[in-house]
Amino acid sequence: PEGNAGLAAVRALGQWVLDYTDDGTDAG
């Protein structure tokens, strides 16, 4: 999308990458 929704989409994609630890099981 255009406008702020597009910026939010790109930002959300970047934050999803930064949340990579969510794929773990907290077992170390």
mmCIF file of all heavy atoms, coordinates in Angstrom:
data_MODEL
# 
_entry.id   MODEL 
# 
loop_
_atom_site.group_PDB 
_atom_site.id 
_atom_site.type_symbol 
_atom_site.label_atom_id 
_atom_site.label_alt_id 
_atom_site.label_comp_id 
_atom_site.label_asym_id 
_atom_site.label_entity_id 
_atom_site.label_seq_id 
_atom_site.pdbx_PDB_ins_code 
_atom_site.Cartn_x 
_atom_site.Cartn_y 
_atom_site.Cartn_z 
_atom_site.occupancy 
_atom_site.B_iso_or_equiv 
_atom_site.pdbx_formal_charge 
_atom_site.auth_seq_id 
_atom_site.auth_comp_id 
_atom_site.auth_asym_id 
_atom_site.auth_atom_id 
_atom_site.pdbx_PDB_model_num 
ATOM 1   N N   . PRO A 1 1  ? 0.829  -1.212  0.000  1.00 0.00 ? 1  PRO A N   1 
ATOM 2   C CA  . PRO A 1 1  ? 0.000  0.000   0.000  1.00 0.00 ? 1  PRO A CA  1 
ATOM 3   C C   . PRO A 1 1  ? 0.863  1.263   0.000  1.00 0.00 ? 1  PRO A C   1 
ATOM 4   O O   . PRO A 1 1  ? 2.057  1.224   0.289  1.00 0.00 ? 1  PRO A O   1 
ATOM 5   C CB  . PRO A 1 1  ? -0.808 -0.123  1.287  1.00 0.00 ? 1  PRO A CB  1 
ATOM 6   C CG  . PRO A 1 1  ? 0.050  -0.942  2.194  1.00 0.00 ? 1  PRO A CG  1 
ATOM 7   C CD  . PRO A 1 1  ? 0.772  -1.905  1.297  1.00 0.00 ? 1  PRO A CD  1 
ATOM 8   N N   . GLU A 1 2  ? 0.244  2.359   -0.306 1.00 0.00 ? 2  GLU A N   1 
ATOM 9   C CA  . GLU A 1 2  ? 0.936  3.648   -0.298 1.00 0.00 ? 2  GLU A CA  1 
ATOM 10  C C   . GLU A 1 2  ? 0.705  4.342   1.043  1.00 0.00 ? 2  GLU A C   1 
ATOM 11  O O   . GLU A 1 2  ? -0.082 3.907   1.872  1.00 0.00 ? 2  GLU A O   1 
ATOM 12  C CB  . GLU A 1 2  ? 0.429  4.526   -1.453 1.00 0.00 ? 2  GLU A CB  1 
ATOM 13  C CG  . GLU A 1 2  ? 0.664  3.925   -2.824 1.00 0.00 ? 2  GLU A CG  1 
ATOM 14  C CD  . GLU A 1 2  ? 0.173  4.837   -3.944 1.00 0.00 ? 2  GLU A CD  1 
ATOM 15  O OE1 . GLU A 1 2  ? -0.326 5.944   -3.631 1.00 0.00 ? 2  GLU A OE1 1 
ATOM 16  O OE2 . GLU A 1 2  ? 0.294  4.446   -5.121 1.00 0.00 ? 2  GLU A OE2 1 
ATOM 17  N N   . GLY A 1 3  ? 1.441  5.430   1.224  1.00 0.00 ? 3  GLY A N   1 
ATOM 18  C CA  . GLY A 1 3  ? 1.264  6.243   2.429  1.00 0.00 ? 3  GLY A CA  1 
ATOM 19  C C   . GLY A 1 3  ? 1.811  5.574   3.670  1.00 0.00 ? 3  GLY A C   1 
ATOM 20  O O   . GLY A 1 3  ? 2.715  4.721   3.630  1.00 0.00 ? 3  GLY A O   1 
ATOM 21  N N   . ASN A 1 4  ? 1.231  5.954   4.802  1.00 0.00 ? 4  ASN A N   1 
ATOM 22  C CA  . ASN A 1 4  ? 1.718  5.451   6.093  1.00 0.00 ? 4  ASN A CA  1 
ATOM 23  C C   . ASN A 1 4  ? 1.540  3.943   6.235  1.00 0.00 ? 4  ASN A C   1 
ATOM 24  O O   . ASN A 1 4  ? 2.328  3.275   6.916  1.00 0.00 ? 4  ASN A O   1 
ATOM 25  C CB  . ASN A 1 4  ? 0.998  6.176   7.226  1.00 0.00 ? 4  ASN A CB  1 
ATOM 26  C CG  . ASN A 1 4  ? 1.445  7.612   7.364  1.00 0.00 ? 4  ASN A CG  1 
ATOM 27  O OD1 . ASN A 1 4  ? 2.511  7.991   6.862  1.00 0.00 ? 4  ASN A OD1 1 
ATOM 28  N ND2 . ASN A 1 4  ? 0.648  8.438   8.024  1.00 0.00 ? 4  ASN A ND2 1 
ATOM 29  N N   . ALA A 1 5  ? 0.501  3.407   5.609  1.00 0.00 ? 5  ALA A N   1 
ATOM 30  C CA  . ALA A 1 5  ? 0.293  1.958   5.692  1.00 0.00 ? 5  ALA A CA  1 
ATOM 31  C C   . ALA A 1 5  ? 1.459  1.214   5.039  1.00 0.00 ? 5  ALA A C   1 
ATOM 32  O O   . ALA A 1 5  ? 1.897  0.161   5.526  1.00 0.00 ? 5  ALA A O   1 
ATOM 33  C CB  . ALA A 1 5  ? -1.028 1.578   5.029  1.00 0.00 ? 5  ALA A CB  1 
ATOM 34  N N   . GLY A 1 6  ? 1.985  1.748   3.927  1.00 0.00 ? 6  GLY A N   1 
ATOM 35  C CA  . GLY A 1 6  ? 3.136  1.118   3.284  1.00 0.00 ? 6  GLY A CA  1 
ATOM 36  C C   . GLY A 1 6  ? 4.379  1.193   4.143  1.00 0.00 ? 6  GLY A C   1 
ATOM 37  O O   . GLY A 1 6  ? 5.139  0.221   4.253  1.00 0.00 ? 6  GLY A O   1 
ATOM 38  N N   . LEU A 1 7  ? 4.607  2.360   4.777  1.00 0.00 ? 7  LEU A N   1 
ATOM 39  C CA  . LEU A 1 7  ? 5.755  2.483   5.682  1.00 0.00 ? 7  LEU A CA  1 
ATOM 40  C C   . LEU A 1 7  ? 5.614  1.521   6.860  1.00 0.00 ? 7  LEU A C   1 
ATOM 41  O O   . LEU A 1 7  ? 6.600  0.905   7.292  1.00 0.00 ? 7  LEU A O   1 
ATOM 42  C CB  . LEU A 1 7  ? 5.871  3.922   6.185  1.00 0.00 ? 7  LEU A CB  1 
ATOM 43  C CG  . LEU A 1 7  ? 6.217  4.992   5.148  1.00 0.00 ? 7  LEU A CG  1 
ATOM 44  C CD1 . LEU A 1 7  ? 6.229  6.372   5.808  1.00 0.00 ? 7  LEU A CD1 1 
ATOM 45  C CD2 . LEU A 1 7  ? 7.564  4.702   4.493  1.00 0.00 ? 7  LEU A CD2 1 
ATOM 46  N N   . ALA A 1 8  ? 4.390  1.389   7.367  1.00 0.00 ? 8  ALA A N   1 
ATOM 47  C CA  . ALA A 1 8  ? 4.152  0.470   8.487  1.00 0.00 ? 8  ALA A CA  1 
ATOM 48  C C   . ALA A 1 8  ? 4.393  -0.973  8.059  1.00 0.00 ? 8  ALA A C   1 
ATOM 49  O O   . ALA A 1 8  ? 4.880  -1.790  8.852  1.00 0.00 ? 8  ALA A O   1 
ATOM 50  C CB  . ALA A 1 8  ? 2.733  0.644   9.015  1.00 0.00 ? 8  ALA A CB  1 
ATOM 51  N N   . ALA A 1 9  ? 4.058  -1.299  6.797  1.00 0.00 ? 9  ALA A N   1 
ATOM 52  C CA  . ALA A 1 9  ? 4.282  -2.663  6.309  1.00 0.00 ? 9  ALA A CA  1 
ATOM 53  C C   . ALA A 1 9  ? 5.771  -2.977  6.235  1.00 0.00 ? 9  ALA A C   1 
ATOM 54  O O   . ALA A 1 9  ? 6.215  -4.065  6.643  1.00 0.00 ? 9  ALA A O   1 
ATOM 55  C CB  . ALA A 1 9  ? 3.625  -2.840  4.947  1.00 0.00 ? 9  ALA A CB  1 
ATOM 56  N N   . VAL A 1 10 ? 6.564  -2.035  5.715  1.00 0.00 ? 10 VAL A N   1 
ATOM 57  C CA  . VAL A 1 10 ? 8.011  -2.255  5.653  1.00 0.00 ? 10 VAL A CA  1 
ATOM 58  C C   . VAL A 1 10 ? 8.593  -2.354  7.059  1.00 0.00 ? 10 VAL A C   1 
ATOM 59  O O   . VAL A 1 10 ? 9.444  -3.210  7.341  1.00 0.00 ? 10 VAL A O   1 
ATOM 60  C CB  . VAL A 1 10 ? 8.684  -1.117  4.862  1.00 0.00 ? 10 VAL A CB  1 
ATOM 61  C CG1 . VAL A 1 10 ? 10.205 -1.293  4.860  1.00 0.00 ? 10 VAL A CG1 1 
ATOM 62  C CG2 . VAL A 1 10 ? 8.161  -1.077  3.432  1.00 0.00 ? 10 VAL A CG2 1 
ATOM 63  N N   . ARG A 1 11 ? 8.120  -1.494  7.945  1.00 0.00 ? 11 ARG A N   1 
ATOM 64  C CA  . ARG A 1 11 ? 8.609  -1.519  9.332  1.00 0.00 ? 11 ARG A CA  1 
ATOM 65  C C   . ARG A 1 11 ? 8.239  -2.841  10.012 1.00 0.00 ? 11 ARG A C   1 
ATOM 66  O O   . ARG A 1 11 ? 9.061  -3.424  10.737 1.00 0.00 ? 11 ARG A O   1 
ATOM 67  C CB  . ARG A 1 11 ? 8.008  -0.342  10.101 1.00 0.00 ? 11 ARG A CB  1 
ATOM 68  C CG  . ARG A 1 11 ? 8.475  -0.218  11.542 1.00 0.00 ? 11 ARG A CG  1 
ATOM 69  C CD  . ARG A 1 11 ? 7.963  1.080   12.149 1.00 0.00 ? 11 ARG A CD  1 
ATOM 70  N NE  . ARG A 1 11 ? 8.444  1.265   13.497 1.00 0.00 ? 11 ARG A NE  1 
ATOM 71  C CZ  . ARG A 1 11 ? 7.762  0.920   14.598 1.00 0.00 ? 11 ARG A CZ  1 
ATOM 72  N NH1 . ARG A 1 11 ? 6.563  0.374   14.471 1.00 0.00 ? 11 ARG A NH1 1 
ATOM 73  N NH2 . ARG A 1 11 ? 8.285  1.117   15.798 1.00 0.00 ? 11 ARG A NH2 1 
ATOM 74  N N   . ALA A 1 12 ? 7.025  -3.328  9.767  1.00 0.00 ? 12 ALA A N   1 
ATOM 75  C CA  . ALA A 1 12 ? 6.584  -4.587  10.374 1.00 0.00 ? 12 ALA A CA  1 
ATOM 76  C C   . ALA A 1 12 ? 7.419  -5.755  9.853  1.00 0.00 ? 12 ALA A C   1 
ATOM 77  O O   . ALA A 1 12 ? 7.755  -6.683  10.615 1.00 0.00 ? 12 ALA A O   1 
ATOM 78  C CB  . ALA A 1 12 ? 5.108  -4.827  10.082 1.00 0.00 ? 12 ALA A CB  1 
ATOM 79  N N   . LEU A 1 13 ? 7.790  -5.723  8.574  1.00 0.00 ? 13 LEU A N   1 
ATOM 80  C CA  . LEU A 1 13 ? 8.625  -6.786  8.020  1.00 0.00 ? 13 LEU A CA  1 
ATOM 81  C C   . LEU A 1 13 ? 10.006 -6.785  8.682  1.00 0.00 ? 13 LEU A C   1 
ATOM 82  O O   . LEU A 1 13 ? 10.541 -7.840  9.023  1.00 0.00 ? 13 LEU A O   1 
ATOM 83  C CB  . LEU A 1 13 ? 8.758  -6.611  6.507  1.00 0.00 ? 13 LEU A CB  1 
ATOM 84  C CG  . LEU A 1 13 ? 9.497  -7.722  5.753  1.00 0.00 ? 13 LEU A CG  1 
ATOM 85  C CD1 . LEU A 1 13 ? 8.787  -9.055  5.926  1.00 0.00 ? 13 LEU A CD1 1 
ATOM 86  C CD2 . LEU A 1 13 ? 9.627  -7.376  4.274  1.00 0.00 ? 13 LEU A CD2 1 
ATOM 87  N N   . GLY A 1 14 ? 10.557 -5.582  8.881  1.00 0.00 ? 14 GLY A N   1 
ATOM 88  C CA  . GLY A 1 14 ? 11.841 -5.495  9.564  1.00 0.00 ? 14 GLY A CA  1 
ATOM 89  C C   . GLY A 1 14 ? 11.762 -5.966  11.006 1.00 0.00 ? 14 GLY A C   1 
ATOM 90  O O   . GLY A 1 14 ? 12.662 -6.668  11.500 1.00 0.00 ? 14 GLY A O   1 
ATOM 91  N N   . GLN A 1 15 ? 10.679 -5.611  11.700 1.00 0.00 ? 15 GLN A N   1 
ATOM 92  C CA  . GLN A 1 15 ? 10.533 -6.039  13.092 1.00 0.00 ? 15 GLN A CA  1 
ATOM 93  C C   . GLN A 1 15 ? 10.333 -7.547  13.188 1.00 0.00 ? 15 GLN A C   1 
ATOM 94  O O   . GLN A 1 15 ? 10.760 -8.175  14.153 1.00 0.00 ? 15 GLN A O   1 
ATOM 95  C CB  . GLN A 1 15 ? 9.373  -5.291  13.743 1.00 0.00 ? 15 GLN A CB  1 
ATOM 96  C CG  . GLN A 1 15 ? 9.676  -3.826  14.009 1.00 0.00 ? 15 GLN A CG  1 
ATOM 97  C CD  . GLN A 1 15 ? 8.521  -3.099  14.661 1.00 0.00 ? 15 GLN A CD  1 
ATOM 98  O OE1 . GLN A 1 15 ? 7.367  -3.302  14.297 1.00 0.00 ? 15 GLN A OE1 1 
ATOM 99  N NE2 . GLN A 1 15 ? 8.822  -2.255  15.619 1.00 0.00 ? 15 GLN A NE2 1 
ATOM 100 N N   . TRP A 1 16 ? 9.661  -8.111  12.172 1.00 0.00 ? 16 TRP A N   1 
ATOM 101 C CA  . TRP A 1 16 ? 9.487  -9.575  12.176 1.00 0.00 ? 16 TRP A CA  1 
ATOM 102 C C   . TRP A 1 16 ? 10.838 -10.268 12.097 1.00 0.00 ? 16 TRP A C   1 
ATOM 103 O O   . TRP A 1 16 ? 11.071 -11.269 12.779 1.00 0.00 ? 16 TRP A O   1 
ATOM 104 C CB  . TRP A 1 16 ? 8.606  -9.984  10.998 1.00 0.00 ? 16 TRP A CB  1 
ATOM 105 C CG  . TRP A 1 16 ? 8.444  -11.463 10.872 1.00 0.00 ? 16 TRP A CG  1 
ATOM 106 C CD1 . TRP A 1 16 ? 7.631  -12.269 11.621 1.00 0.00 ? 16 TRP A CD1 1 
ATOM 107 C CD2 . TRP A 1 16 ? 9.127  -12.328 9.952  1.00 0.00 ? 16 TRP A CD2 1 
ATOM 108 N NE1 . TRP A 1 16 ? 7.771  -13.584 11.229 1.00 0.00 ? 16 TRP A NE1 1 
ATOM 109 C CE2 . TRP A 1 16 ? 8.679  -13.652 10.205 1.00 0.00 ? 16 TRP A CE2 1 
ATOM 110 C CE3 . TRP A 1 16 ? 10.056 -12.120 8.942  1.00 0.00 ? 16 TRP A CE3 1 
ATOM 111 C CZ2 . TRP A 1 16 ? 9.136  -14.750 9.489  1.00 0.00 ? 16 TRP A CZ2 1 
ATOM 112 C CZ3 . TRP A 1 16 ? 10.517 -13.210 8.222  1.00 0.00 ? 16 TRP A CZ3 1 
ATOM 113 C CH2 . TRP A 1 16 ? 10.056 -14.511 8.494  1.00 0.00 ? 16 TRP A CH2 1 
ATOM 114 N N   . VAL A 1 17 ? 11.746 -9.748  11.299 1.00 0.00 ? 17 VAL A N   1 
ATOM 115 C CA  . VAL A 1 17 ? 13.094 -10.326 11.234 1.00 0.00 ? 17 VAL A CA  1 
ATOM 116 C C   . VAL A 1 17 ? 13.794 -10.173 12.576 1.00 0.00 ? 17 VAL A C   1 
ATOM 117 O O   . VAL A 1 17 ? 14.462 -11.098 13.058 1.00 0.00 ? 17 VAL A O   1 
ATOM 118 C CB  . VAL A 1 17 ? 13.912 -9.663  10.111 1.00 0.00 ? 17 VAL A CB  1 
ATOM 119 C CG1 . VAL A 1 17 ? 15.343 -10.214 10.100 1.00 0.00 ? 17 VAL A CG1 1 
ATOM 120 C CG2 . VAL A 1 17 ? 13.258 -9.879  8.751  1.00 0.00 ? 17 VAL A CG2 1 
ATOM 121 N N   . LEU A 1 18 ? 13.639 -9.009  13.217 1.00 0.00 ? 18 LEU A N   1 
ATOM 122 C CA  . LEU A 1 18 ? 14.305 -8.768  14.498 1.00 0.00 ? 18 LEU A CA  1 
ATOM 123 C C   . LEU A 1 18 ? 13.759 -9.669  15.607 1.00 0.00 ? 18 LEU A C   1 
ATOM 124 O O   . LEU A 1 18 ? 14.443 -9.902  16.609 1.00 0.00 ? 18 LEU A O   1 
ATOM 125 C CB  . LEU A 1 18 ? 14.129 -7.298  14.899 1.00 0.00 ? 18 LEU A CB  1 
ATOM 126 C CG  . LEU A 1 18 ? 14.887 -6.280  14.041 1.00 0.00 ? 18 LEU A CG  1 
ATOM 127 C CD1 . LEU A 1 18 ? 14.475 -4.861  14.421 1.00 0.00 ? 18 LEU A CD1 1 
ATOM 128 C CD2 . LEU A 1 18 ? 16.390 -6.450  14.185 1.00 0.00 ? 18 LEU A CD2 1 
ATOM 129 N N   . ASP A 1 19 ? 12.560 -10.189 15.429 1.00 0.00 ? 19 ASP A N   1 
ATOM 130 C CA  . ASP A 1 19 ? 11.961 -11.071 16.433 1.00 0.00 ? 19 ASP A CA  1 
ATOM 131 C C   . ASP A 1 19 ? 12.285 -12.534 16.149 1.00 0.00 ? 19 ASP A C   1 
ATOM 132 O O   . ASP A 1 19 ? 11.496 -13.432 16.460 1.00 0.00 ? 19 ASP A O   1 
ATOM 133 C CB  . ASP A 1 19 ? 10.443 -10.876 16.467 1.00 0.00 ? 19 ASP A CB  1 
ATOM 134 C CG  . ASP A 1 19 ? 10.050 -9.526  17.034 1.00 0.00 ? 19 ASP A CG  1 
ATOM 135 O OD1 . ASP A 1 19 ? 10.841 -8.950  17.792 1.00 0.00 ? 19 ASP A OD1 1 
ATOM 136 O OD2 . ASP A 1 19 ? 8.950  -9.041  16.711 1.00 0.00 ? 19 ASP A OD2 1 
ATOM 137 N N   . TYR A 1 20 ? 13.456 -12.805 15.591 1.00 0.00 ? 20 TYR A N   1 
ATOM 138 C CA  . TYR A 1 20 ? 13.829 -14.164 15.203 1.00 0.00 ? 20 TYR A CA  1 
ATOM 139 C C   . TYR A 1 20 ? 13.899 -15.120 16.378 1.00 0.00 ? 20 TYR A C   1 
ATOM 140 O O   . TYR A 1 20 ? 13.749 -16.345 16.224 1.00 0.00 ? 20 TYR A O   1 
ATOM 141 C CB  . TYR A 1 20 ? 15.176 -14.154 14.469 1.00 0.00 ? 20 TYR A CB  1 
ATOM 142 C CG  . TYR A 1 20 ? 16.337 -13.682 15.297 1.00 0.00 ? 20 TYR A CG  1 
ATOM 143 C CD1 . TYR A 1 20 ? 17.170 -14.585 15.958 1.00 0.00 ? 20 TYR A CD1 1 
ATOM 144 C CD2 . TYR A 1 20 ? 16.633 -12.326 15.440 1.00 0.00 ? 20 TYR A CD2 1 
ATOM 145 C CE1 . TYR A 1 20 ? 18.246 -14.159 16.721 1.00 0.00 ? 20 TYR A CE1 1 
ATOM 146 C CE2 . TYR A 1 20 ? 17.693 -11.891 16.205 1.00 0.00 ? 20 TYR A CE2 1 
ATOM 147 C CZ  . TYR A 1 20 ? 18.501 -12.803 16.833 1.00 0.00 ? 20 TYR A CZ  1 
ATOM 148 O OH  . TYR A 1 20 ? 19.561 -12.375 17.597 1.00 0.00 ? 20 TYR A OH  1 
ATOM 149 N N   . THR A 1 21 ? 14.114 -14.602 17.590 1.00 0.00 ? 21 THR A N   1 
ATOM 150 C CA  . THR A 1 21 ? 14.198 -15.491 18.753 1.00 0.00 ? 21 THR A CA  1 
ATOM 151 C C   . THR A 1 21 ? 12.865 -16.167 19.060 1.00 0.00 ? 21 THR A C   1 
ATOM 152 O O   . THR A 1 21 ? 12.835 -17.162 19.796 1.00 0.00 ? 21 THR A O   1 
ATOM 153 C CB  . THR A 1 21 ? 14.666 -14.715 19.989 1.00 0.00 ? 21 THR A CB  1 
ATOM 154 O OG1 . THR A 1 21 ? 13.823 -13.571 20.182 1.00 0.00 ? 21 THR A OG1 1 
ATOM 155 C CG2 . THR A 1 21 ? 16.106 -14.236 19.812 1.00 0.00 ? 21 THR A CG2 1 
ATOM 156 N N   . ASP A 1 22 ? 11.769 -15.652 18.496 1.00 0.00 ? 22 ASP A N   1 
ATOM 157 C CA  . ASP A 1 22 ? 10.467 -16.281 18.727 1.00 0.00 ? 22 ASP A CA  1 
ATOM 158 C C   . ASP A 1 22 ? 10.395 -17.674 18.113 1.00 0.00 ? 22 ASP A C   1 
ATOM 159 O O   . ASP A 1 22 ? 9.509  -18.464 18.485 1.00 0.00 ? 22 ASP A O   1 
ATOM 160 C CB  . ASP A 1 22 ? 9.347  -15.414 18.144 1.00 0.00 ? 22 ASP A CB  1 
ATOM 161 C CG  . ASP A 1 22 ? 9.150  -14.122 18.926 1.00 0.00 ? 22 ASP A CG  1 
ATOM 162 O OD1 . ASP A 1 22 ? 9.706  -14.027 20.045 1.00 0.00 ? 22 ASP A OD1 1 
ATOM 163 O OD2 . ASP A 1 22 ? 8.469  -13.215 18.422 1.00 0.00 ? 22 ASP A OD2 1 
ATOM 164 N N   . ASP A 1 23 ? 11.277 -17.976 17.172 1.00 0.00 ? 23 ASP A N   1 
ATOM 165 C CA  . ASP A 1 23 ? 11.268 -19.301 16.554 1.00 0.00 ? 23 ASP A CA  1 
ATOM 166 C C   . ASP A 1 23 ? 11.888 -20.355 17.457 1.00 0.00 ? 23 ASP A C   1 
ATOM 167 O O   . ASP A 1 23 ? 11.784 -21.552 17.162 1.00 0.00 ? 23 ASP A O   1 
ATOM 168 C CB  . ASP A 1 23 ? 12.022 -19.268 15.215 1.00 0.00 ? 23 ASP A CB  1 
ATOM 169 C CG  . ASP A 1 23 ? 11.273 -18.490 14.153 1.00 0.00 ? 23 ASP A CG  1 
ATOM 170 O OD1 . ASP A 1 23 ? 10.052 -18.298 14.314 1.00 0.00 ? 23 ASP A OD1 1 
ATOM 171 O OD2 . ASP A 1 23 ? 11.911 -18.064 13.168 1.00 0.00 ? 23 ASP A OD2 1 
ATOM 172 N N   . GLY A 1 24 ? 12.526 -19.950 18.529 1.00 0.00 ? 24 GLY A N   1 
ATOM 173 C CA  . GLY A 1 24 ? 13.143 -20.906 19.452 1.00 0.00 ? 24 GLY A CA  1 
ATOM 174 C C   . GLY A 1 24 ? 12.146 -21.422 20.466 1.00 0.00 ? 24 GLY A C   1 
ATOM 175 O O   . GLY A 1 24 ? 10.976 -21.022 20.505 1.00 0.00 ? 24 GLY A O   1 
ATOM 176 N N   . THR A 1 25 ? 12.605 -22.329 21.308 1.00 0.00 ? 25 THR A N   1 
ATOM 177 C CA  . THR A 1 25 ? 11.764 -22.949 22.335 1.00 0.00 ? 25 THR A CA  1 
ATOM 178 C C   . THR A 1 25 ? 12.195 -22.541 23.739 1.00 0.00 ? 25 THR A C   1 
ATOM 179 O O   . THR A 1 25 ? 11.730 -23.131 24.710 1.00 0.00 ? 25 THR A O   1 
ATOM 180 C CB  . THR A 1 25 ? 11.829 -24.476 22.207 1.00 0.00 ? 25 THR A CB  1 
ATOM 181 O OG1 . THR A 1 25 ? 13.190 -24.918 22.394 1.00 0.00 ? 25 THR A OG1 1 
ATOM 182 C CG2 . THR A 1 25 ? 11.337 -24.937 20.843 1.00 0.00 ? 25 THR A CG2 1 
ATOM 183 N N   . ASP A 1 26 ? 13.095 -21.579 23.851 1.00 0.00 ? 26 ASP A N   1 
ATOM 184 C CA  . ASP A 1 26 ? 13.605 -21.120 25.138 1.00 0.00 ? 26 ASP A CA  1 
ATOM 185 C C   . ASP A 1 26 ? 14.371 -22.226 25.871 1.00 0.00 ? 26 ASP A C   1 
ATOM 186 O O   . ASP A 1 26 ? 14.478 -22.216 27.094 1.00 0.00 ? 26 ASP A O   1 
ATOM 187 C CB  . ASP A 1 26 ? 12.459 -20.587 26.022 1.00 0.00 ? 26 ASP A CB  1 
ATOM 188 C CG  . ASP A 1 26 ? 12.960 -19.753 27.185 1.00 0.00 ? 26 ASP A CG  1 
ATOM 189 O OD1 . ASP A 1 26 ? 14.015 -19.110 27.037 1.00 0.00 ? 26 ASP A OD1 1 
ATOM 190 O OD2 . ASP A 1 26 ? 12.313 -19.749 28.255 1.00 0.00 ? 26 ASP A OD2 1 
ATOM 191 N N   . ALA A 1 27 ? 14.878 -23.194 25.116 1.00 0.00 ? 27 ALA A N   1 
ATOM 192 C CA  . ALA A 1 27 ? 15.672 -24.264 25.719 1.00 0.00 ? 27 ALA A CA  1 
ATOM 193 C C   . ALA A 1 27 ? 17.158 -23.957 25.685 1.00 0.00 ? 27 ALA A C   1 
ATOM 194 O O   . ALA A 1 27 ? 17.943 -24.638 26.336 1.00 0.00 ? 27 ALA A O   1 
ATOM 195 C CB  . ALA A 1 27 ? 15.416 -25.593 24.994 1.00 0.00 ? 27 ALA A CB  1 
ATOM 196 N N   . GLY A 1 28 ? 17.551 -22.923 24.946 1.00 0.00 ? 28 GLY A N   1 
ATOM 197 C CA  . GLY A 1 28 ? 18.953 -22.546 24.884 1.00 0.00 ? 28 GLY A CA  1 
ATOM 198 C C   . GLY A 1 28 ? 19.730 -23.365 23.863 1.00 0.00 ? 28 GLY A C   1 
ATOM 199 O O   . GLY A 1 28 ? 19.282 -24.419 23.399 1.00 0.00 ? 28 GLY A O   1 
# 
